[in-house]
């Protein structure tokens, strides 16, 4: 019985990941910035995007979702880092 529950939990975790990261929340005409990604990371990211359920997720949207979550998760550390390195002029 444990195996059945584990598979259900794994499916739920996969669904949560897909809903959080492989969702296109950006307008179709949004203009972003160009960034360079290492080829090995690009290959993994593009393959994940291609597997998304609706095939409407873009690489741009996926990376944006990852960055948004990273900034939320580490907001306190980022603020502390900034304050530590910020030197007032006067």
N, C-alpha and C. Protein backbone atom coordinates (compact mmCIF):
# COMPACT_ATOMS: atom_id res chain seq x y z
N UNK A 1 0.81 -1.21 0.00
CA UNK A 1 0.00 0.00 0.00
C UNK A 1 0.85 1.27 0.00
N UNK A 2 1.99 1.24 0.66
CA UNK A 2 2.84 2.42 0.71
C UNK A 2 3.24 2.88 -0.69
N UNK A 3 3.54 1.94 -1.57
CA UNK A 3 3.96 2.30 -2.92
C UNK A 3 2.87 3.06 -3.67
N UNK A 4 1.62 2.69 -3.46
CA UNK A 4 0.52 3.39 -4.12
C UNK A 4 0.46 4.84 -3.66
N UNK A 5 0.61 5.06 -2.37
CA UNK A 5 0.57 6.42 -1.85
C UNK A 5 1.77 7.23 -2.32
N UNK A 6 2.92 6.59 -2.40
CA UNK A 6 4.12 7.29 -2.83
C UNK A 6 3.98 7.77 -4.28
N UNK A 7 3.41 6.91 -5.14
CA UNK A 7 3.23 7.31 -6.53
C UNK A 7 2.25 8.48 -6.63
N UNK A 8 1.20 8.47 -5.81
CA UNK A 8 0.24 9.56 -5.80
C UNK A 8 0.92 10.84 -5.35
N UNK A 9 1.75 10.75 -4.30
CA UNK A 9 2.47 11.92 -3.82
C UNK A 9 3.42 12.44 -4.88
N UNK A 10 4.10 11.53 -5.58
CA UNK A 10 5.03 11.94 -6.64
C UNK A 10 4.28 12.65 -7.76
N UNK A 11 3.09 12.14 -8.11
CA UNK A 11 2.29 12.79 -9.16
C UNK A 11 1.86 14.17 -8.71
N UNK A 12 1.46 14.29 -7.42
CA UNK A 12 1.06 15.59 -6.90
C UNK A 12 2.22 16.57 -6.91
N UNK A 13 3.41 16.09 -6.53
CA UNK A 13 4.59 16.95 -6.55
C UNK A 13 4.92 17.40 -7.97
N UNK A 14 4.80 16.47 -8.91
CA UNK A 14 5.05 16.80 -10.32
C UNK A 14 4.04 17.83 -10.80
N UNK A 15 2.78 17.66 -10.43
CA UNK A 15 1.72 18.60 -10.82
C UNK A 15 1.99 19.98 -10.23
N UNK A 16 2.40 20.01 -8.96
CA UNK A 16 2.71 21.29 -8.31
C UNK A 16 3.85 22.00 -9.05
N UNK A 17 4.88 21.24 -9.38
CA UNK A 17 6.02 21.81 -10.10
C UNK A 17 5.57 22.36 -11.45
N UNK A 18 4.78 21.57 -12.15
CA UNK A 18 4.30 21.98 -13.47
C UNK A 18 3.45 23.25 -13.36
N UNK A 19 2.55 23.28 -12.38
CA UNK A 19 1.70 24.46 -12.20
C UNK A 19 2.48 25.70 -11.80
N UNK A 20 3.54 25.50 -11.01
CA UNK A 20 4.32 26.63 -10.53
C UNK A 20 5.29 27.17 -11.57
N UNK A 21 5.96 26.27 -12.27
CA UNK A 21 7.05 26.71 -13.15
C UNK A 21 6.75 26.60 -14.64
N UNK A 22 5.99 25.62 -15.04
CA UNK A 22 5.75 25.41 -16.48
C UNK A 22 4.41 26.01 -16.89
N UNK A 23 4.16 27.20 -16.43
CA UNK A 23 2.95 27.94 -16.74
C UNK A 23 3.35 29.28 -17.33
N UNK A 24 2.73 29.64 -18.41
CA UNK A 24 3.04 30.91 -19.07
C UNK A 24 2.13 31.99 -18.51
N UNK A 25 2.65 32.83 -17.63
CA UNK A 25 1.88 33.91 -17.03
C UNK A 25 2.17 35.26 -17.68
N UNK A 26 2.97 35.24 -18.70
CA UNK A 26 3.40 36.50 -19.33
C UNK A 26 2.58 36.79 -20.58
N UNK A 27 2.32 38.06 -20.83
CA UNK A 27 1.62 38.40 -22.07
C UNK A 27 2.44 37.98 -23.29
N UNK A 28 1.76 37.63 -24.34
CA UNK A 28 2.43 37.14 -25.55
C UNK A 28 3.37 38.18 -26.14
N UNK A 29 3.06 39.44 -25.96
CA UNK A 29 3.87 40.49 -26.57
C UNK A 29 4.89 41.10 -25.61
N UNK A 30 5.13 40.45 -24.47
CA UNK A 30 6.07 41.03 -23.51
C UNK A 30 7.49 40.99 -24.06
N UNK A 31 8.22 42.03 -23.78
CA UNK A 31 9.60 42.13 -24.27
C UNK A 31 10.54 41.97 -23.09
N UNK A 32 11.44 41.02 -23.19
CA UNK A 32 12.39 40.78 -22.12
C UNK A 32 13.79 41.20 -22.54
N UNK A 33 14.74 40.76 -21.79
CA UNK A 33 16.14 41.04 -22.06
C UNK A 33 16.82 39.76 -22.52
N UNK A 34 17.88 39.92 -23.27
CA UNK A 34 18.65 38.78 -23.73
C UNK A 34 19.63 38.38 -22.64
N UNK A 35 19.66 37.09 -22.34
CA UNK A 35 20.65 36.56 -21.40
C UNK A 35 21.28 35.33 -22.03
N UNK A 36 22.49 35.04 -21.62
CA UNK A 36 23.17 33.87 -22.14
C UNK A 36 23.15 32.77 -21.09
N UNK A 37 22.84 31.57 -21.53
CA UNK A 37 22.72 30.41 -20.65
C UNK A 37 23.71 29.37 -21.15
N UNK A 38 24.36 28.72 -20.21
CA UNK A 38 25.28 27.65 -20.62
C UNK A 38 24.53 26.61 -21.44
N UNK A 39 25.16 26.08 -22.47
CA UNK A 39 24.49 25.13 -23.36
C UNK A 39 23.89 23.93 -22.63
N UNK A 40 24.59 23.41 -21.63
CA UNK A 40 24.06 22.24 -20.92
C UNK A 40 22.80 22.59 -20.12
N UNK A 41 22.73 23.82 -19.59
CA UNK A 41 21.51 24.24 -18.89
C UNK A 41 20.39 24.50 -19.90
N UNK A 42 20.75 25.11 -21.00
CA UNK A 42 19.75 25.41 -22.03
C UNK A 42 19.09 24.12 -22.52
N UNK A 43 19.87 23.09 -22.73
CA UNK A 43 19.32 21.82 -23.21
C UNK A 43 18.29 21.25 -22.23
N UNK A 44 18.62 21.27 -20.95
CA UNK A 44 17.70 20.75 -19.93
C UNK A 44 16.43 21.60 -19.88
N UNK A 45 16.60 22.91 -19.85
CA UNK A 45 15.44 23.81 -19.75
C UNK A 45 14.52 23.68 -20.95
N UNK A 46 15.08 23.65 -22.12
CA UNK A 46 14.25 23.58 -23.33
C UNK A 46 13.51 22.24 -23.41
N UNK A 47 14.16 21.18 -22.95
CA UNK A 47 13.49 19.87 -22.96
C UNK A 47 12.31 19.85 -21.99
N UNK A 48 12.47 20.48 -20.83
CA UNK A 48 11.36 20.56 -19.87
C UNK A 48 10.21 21.38 -20.43
N UNK A 49 10.53 22.49 -21.05
CA UNK A 49 9.50 23.34 -21.63
C UNK A 49 8.73 22.59 -22.71
N UNK A 50 9.43 21.82 -23.52
CA UNK A 50 8.78 21.06 -24.59
C UNK A 50 7.85 19.98 -24.04
N UNK A 51 8.08 19.53 -22.81
CA UNK A 51 7.24 18.51 -22.21
C UNK A 51 6.01 19.07 -21.53
N UNK A 52 5.91 20.38 -21.41
CA UNK A 52 4.79 20.97 -20.68
C UNK A 52 3.48 20.57 -21.34
N UNK A 53 2.47 20.40 -20.48
CA UNK A 53 1.20 19.82 -20.93
C UNK A 53 0.54 20.55 -22.09
N UNK A 54 0.61 21.84 -22.11
CA UNK A 54 -0.07 22.59 -23.16
C UNK A 54 0.85 22.99 -24.30
N UNK A 55 2.14 22.79 -24.13
CA UNK A 55 3.14 23.23 -25.11
C UNK A 55 3.02 24.72 -25.41
N UNK A 56 2.46 25.46 -24.46
CA UNK A 56 2.34 26.91 -24.63
C UNK A 56 3.34 27.64 -23.77
N UNK A 57 4.04 26.91 -22.92
CA UNK A 57 5.04 27.53 -22.06
C UNK A 57 6.26 27.85 -22.89
N UNK A 58 6.78 29.04 -22.71
CA UNK A 58 7.99 29.44 -23.42
C UNK A 58 9.19 29.31 -22.49
N UNK A 59 10.35 29.24 -23.06
CA UNK A 59 11.57 29.21 -22.26
C UNK A 59 11.66 30.49 -21.42
N UNK A 60 11.28 31.59 -22.02
CA UNK A 60 11.28 32.88 -21.32
C UNK A 60 10.38 32.82 -20.07
N UNK A 61 9.18 32.27 -20.21
CA UNK A 61 8.24 32.18 -19.09
C UNK A 61 8.77 31.24 -18.01
N UNK A 62 9.35 30.12 -18.43
CA UNK A 62 9.89 29.15 -17.48
C UNK A 62 11.02 29.76 -16.65
N UNK A 63 11.95 30.43 -17.31
CA UNK A 63 13.06 31.07 -16.60
C UNK A 63 12.53 32.19 -15.69
N UNK A 64 11.55 32.93 -16.15
CA UNK A 64 10.95 33.99 -15.34
C UNK A 64 10.32 33.41 -14.07
N UNK A 65 9.63 32.28 -14.20
CA UNK A 65 9.01 31.63 -13.04
C UNK A 65 10.07 31.13 -12.05
N UNK A 66 11.15 30.58 -12.56
CA UNK A 66 12.24 30.11 -11.70
C UNK A 66 12.85 31.29 -10.94
N UNK A 67 13.12 32.37 -11.65
CA UNK A 67 13.72 33.55 -11.01
C UNK A 67 12.78 34.17 -9.98
N UNK A 68 11.49 34.23 -10.31
CA UNK A 68 10.52 34.79 -9.37
C UNK A 68 10.52 34.00 -8.06
N UNK A 69 10.50 32.68 -8.16
CA UNK A 69 10.49 31.84 -6.96
C UNK A 69 11.80 31.98 -6.19
N UNK A 70 12.91 32.02 -6.89
CA UNK A 70 14.22 32.19 -6.24
C UNK A 70 14.26 33.50 -5.45
N UNK A 71 13.80 34.58 -6.07
CA UNK A 71 13.81 35.87 -5.40
C UNK A 71 12.89 35.89 -4.18
N UNK A 72 11.75 35.21 -4.25
CA UNK A 72 10.85 35.10 -3.09
C UNK A 72 11.50 34.27 -1.98
N UNK A 73 12.05 33.13 -2.36
CA UNK A 73 12.64 32.22 -1.37
C UNK A 73 13.83 32.84 -0.64
N UNK A 74 14.57 33.68 -1.32
CA UNK A 74 15.81 34.23 -0.76
C UNK A 74 15.74 35.74 -0.54
N UNK A 75 14.54 36.28 -0.43
CA UNK A 75 14.37 37.73 -0.29
C UNK A 75 15.14 38.29 0.89
N UNK A 76 15.06 37.64 2.05
CA UNK A 76 15.76 38.15 3.23
C UNK A 76 17.27 38.14 3.03
N UNK A 77 17.79 37.06 2.46
CA UNK A 77 19.23 36.97 2.21
C UNK A 77 19.68 38.02 1.19
N UNK A 78 18.87 38.24 0.18
CA UNK A 78 19.21 39.22 -0.86
C UNK A 78 19.23 40.63 -0.26
N UNK A 79 18.21 40.93 0.56
CA UNK A 79 18.16 42.25 1.22
C UNK A 79 19.36 42.44 2.14
N UNK A 80 19.69 41.42 2.92
CA UNK A 80 20.84 41.50 3.84
C UNK A 80 22.14 41.69 3.06
N UNK A 81 22.29 40.96 1.98
CA UNK A 81 23.49 41.08 1.14
C UNK A 81 23.61 42.50 0.59
N UNK A 82 22.50 43.03 0.11
CA UNK A 82 22.50 44.38 -0.44
C UNK A 82 22.88 45.39 0.64
N UNK A 83 22.24 45.29 1.80
CA UNK A 83 22.53 46.22 2.90
C UNK A 83 23.99 46.14 3.34
N UNK A 84 24.53 44.94 3.31
CA UNK A 84 25.92 44.73 3.71
C UNK A 84 26.89 45.40 2.74
N UNK A 85 26.52 45.43 1.47
CA UNK A 85 27.42 45.97 0.45
C UNK A 85 27.07 47.39 0.00
N UNK A 86 25.95 47.89 0.45
CA UNK A 86 25.52 49.24 0.07
C UNK A 86 26.23 50.26 0.95
N UNK A 87 26.88 51.19 0.33
CA UNK A 87 27.60 52.24 1.06
C UNK A 87 26.94 53.59 0.75
N UNK A 88 26.31 54.19 1.74
CA UNK A 88 25.70 55.51 1.51
C UNK A 88 26.75 56.55 1.11
N UNK A 89 26.36 57.48 0.29
CA UNK A 89 27.28 58.52 -0.17
C UNK A 89 27.59 59.49 0.97
N UNK A 90 26.59 59.88 1.73
CA UNK A 90 26.80 60.84 2.83
C UNK A 90 26.54 60.19 4.17
